[in-house]
């Protein structure tokens, strides 16, 4: 099952963005792409995860699994975002054991969404 790492490319992270410059969310997305996704993870740009007060935001989802939204992330968090996404991808149900999760996933979770029923 392939996991998708959704990155909000419109996140401003509470900052004004001068005209012609990329939003912090777009910069995060681009930096994640440059870093390379772990096996089983696809990085996908998305517009607005509706967590604007908590930007930059990402979400993890895959069929038949719990989905998560995380906030208050930046380019410095990329190694841990990718490590957490990789752990999520290999989990059977989207639940990574608490102690194995990166600290940013333990402390900066905004939402946990149950799997859709088939």
Protein backbone atom coordinates (compact mmCIF):
# COMPACT_ATOMS: atom_id res chain seq x y z
CA UNK A 1 0.00 0.00 0.00
CA UNK A 2 1.48 3.30 -1.05
CA UNK A 3 1.37 6.15 1.44
CA UNK A 4 0.90 9.74 0.36
CA UNK A 5 2.66 12.60 2.08
CA UNK A 6 0.47 15.62 1.31
CA UNK A 7 2.23 18.97 1.70
CA UNK A 8 0.17 22.16 1.89
CA UNK A 9 1.84 24.42 -0.65
CA UNK A 10 -0.29 27.45 0.32
CA UNK A 11 0.80 27.48 3.98
CA UNK A 12 2.19 30.85 4.96
CA UNK A 13 3.16 29.70 8.49
CA UNK A 14 1.71 32.92 9.89
CA UNK A 15 4.15 35.03 7.90
CA UNK A 16 3.56 37.64 5.24
CA UNK A 17 4.85 36.43 1.89
CA UNK A 18 6.24 39.11 -0.40
CA UNK A 19 4.85 39.06 -3.92
CA UNK A 20 6.85 36.79 -6.18
CA UNK A 21 8.23 34.68 -3.33
CA UNK A 22 7.20 31.11 -2.57
CA UNK A 23 5.11 30.40 0.52
CA UNK A 24 6.85 28.49 3.34
CA UNK A 25 4.63 25.50 2.48
CA UNK A 26 5.79 25.52 -1.15
CA UNK A 27 9.39 25.75 0.00
CA UNK A 28 8.84 22.79 2.34
CA UNK A 29 7.28 20.77 -0.47
CA UNK A 30 10.14 21.54 -2.85
CA UNK A 31 12.76 20.70 -0.23
CA UNK A 32 11.04 17.38 0.56
CA UNK A 33 11.07 16.49 -3.15
CA UNK A 34 14.77 17.32 -3.36
CA UNK A 35 15.44 15.12 -0.32
CA UNK A 36 13.62 12.16 -1.85
CA UNK A 37 10.72 10.18 -0.50
CA UNK A 38 11.28 6.98 1.46
CA UNK A 39 10.25 3.70 -0.16
CA UNK A 40 6.47 3.38 -0.34
CA UNK A 41 5.83 7.14 -0.01
CA UNK A 42 4.69 9.57 -2.67
CA UNK A 43 5.09 13.29 -1.96
CA UNK A 44 2.15 15.26 -3.29
CA UNK A 45 1.46 18.99 -3.31
CA UNK A 46 -1.96 20.02 -2.08
CA UNK A 47 -3.69 23.33 -1.62
CA UNK A 48 -4.80 24.15 1.90
CA UNK A 49 -5.20 21.55 4.61
CA UNK A 50 -7.39 24.04 6.54
CA UNK A 51 -4.99 24.27 9.46
CA UNK A 52 -3.75 27.74 8.59
CA UNK A 53 -3.07 28.75 12.20
CA UNK A 54 -0.66 25.81 12.47
CA UNK A 55 1.36 26.02 9.22
CA UNK A 56 3.37 24.56 7.66
CA UNK A 57 1.14 21.51 7.48
CA UNK A 58 1.43 18.02 6.09
CA UNK A 59 -0.86 15.00 6.06
CA UNK A 60 -0.22 11.29 5.73
CA UNK A 61 -2.77 8.92 4.25
CA UNK A 62 -3.08 5.54 2.61
CA UNK A 63 -5.99 3.23 1.80
CA UNK A 64 -7.47 1.36 4.75
CA UNK A 65 -5.35 3.19 7.32
CA UNK A 66 -5.61 6.01 9.83
CA UNK A 67 -4.65 9.40 8.38
CA UNK A 68 -2.85 12.19 10.21
CA UNK A 69 -2.40 15.95 9.89
CA UNK A 70 0.71 17.53 11.41
CA UNK A 71 1.54 21.21 11.81
CA UNK A 72 4.17 23.72 12.82
CA UNK A 73 6.72 22.14 10.51
CA UNK A 74 9.59 23.63 8.56
CA UNK A 75 12.55 22.72 6.42
CA UNK A 76 14.62 21.85 9.50
CA UNK A 77 12.13 19.02 10.17
CA UNK A 78 12.62 17.30 6.82
CA UNK A 79 14.72 14.34 8.07
CA UNK A 80 12.12 13.54 10.75
CA UNK A 81 9.17 14.09 8.39
CA UNK A 82 10.67 11.60 5.94
CA UNK A 83 11.55 9.12 8.69
CA UNK A 84 8.01 9.31 10.07
CA UNK A 85 6.49 8.97 6.60
CA UNK A 86 8.58 5.87 6.00
CA UNK A 87 7.42 4.31 9.28
CA UNK A 88 3.83 5.18 8.42
CA UNK A 89 4.19 3.58 4.98
CA UNK A 90 5.30 0.23 6.40
CA UNK A 91 2.67 0.14 9.14
CA UNK A 92 -0.31 -2.10 8.48
CA UNK A 93 -2.98 0.32 9.71
CA UNK A 94 -1.25 3.70 9.79
CA UNK A 95 -0.53 3.46 13.50
CA UNK A 96 3.18 3.70 14.28
CA UNK A 97 3.98 2.73 17.88
CA UNK A 98 4.20 5.89 20.02
CA UNK A 99 7.87 5.55 21.00
CA UNK A 100 8.95 4.87 17.41
CA UNK A 101 7.35 8.06 16.05
CA UNK A 102 9.52 11.11 15.50
CA UNK A 103 9.01 13.67 18.27
CA UNK A 104 7.43 16.10 15.79
CA UNK A 105 4.76 13.48 15.03
CA UNK A 106 4.10 12.88 18.73
CA UNK A 107 3.92 16.57 19.67
CA UNK A 108 2.63 18.31 16.55
CA UNK A 109 -0.30 16.16 15.51
CA UNK A 110 -3.35 18.25 14.65
CA UNK A 111 -5.75 15.49 13.65
CA UNK A 112 -6.10 11.74 13.44
CA UNK A 113 -8.73 10.56 10.98
CA UNK A 114 -10.15 7.01 11.00
CA UNK A 115 -9.85 4.85 7.92
CA UNK A 116 -12.71 4.85 5.45
CA UNK A 117 -14.74 1.69 5.58
CA UNK A 118 -14.68 -0.41 2.46
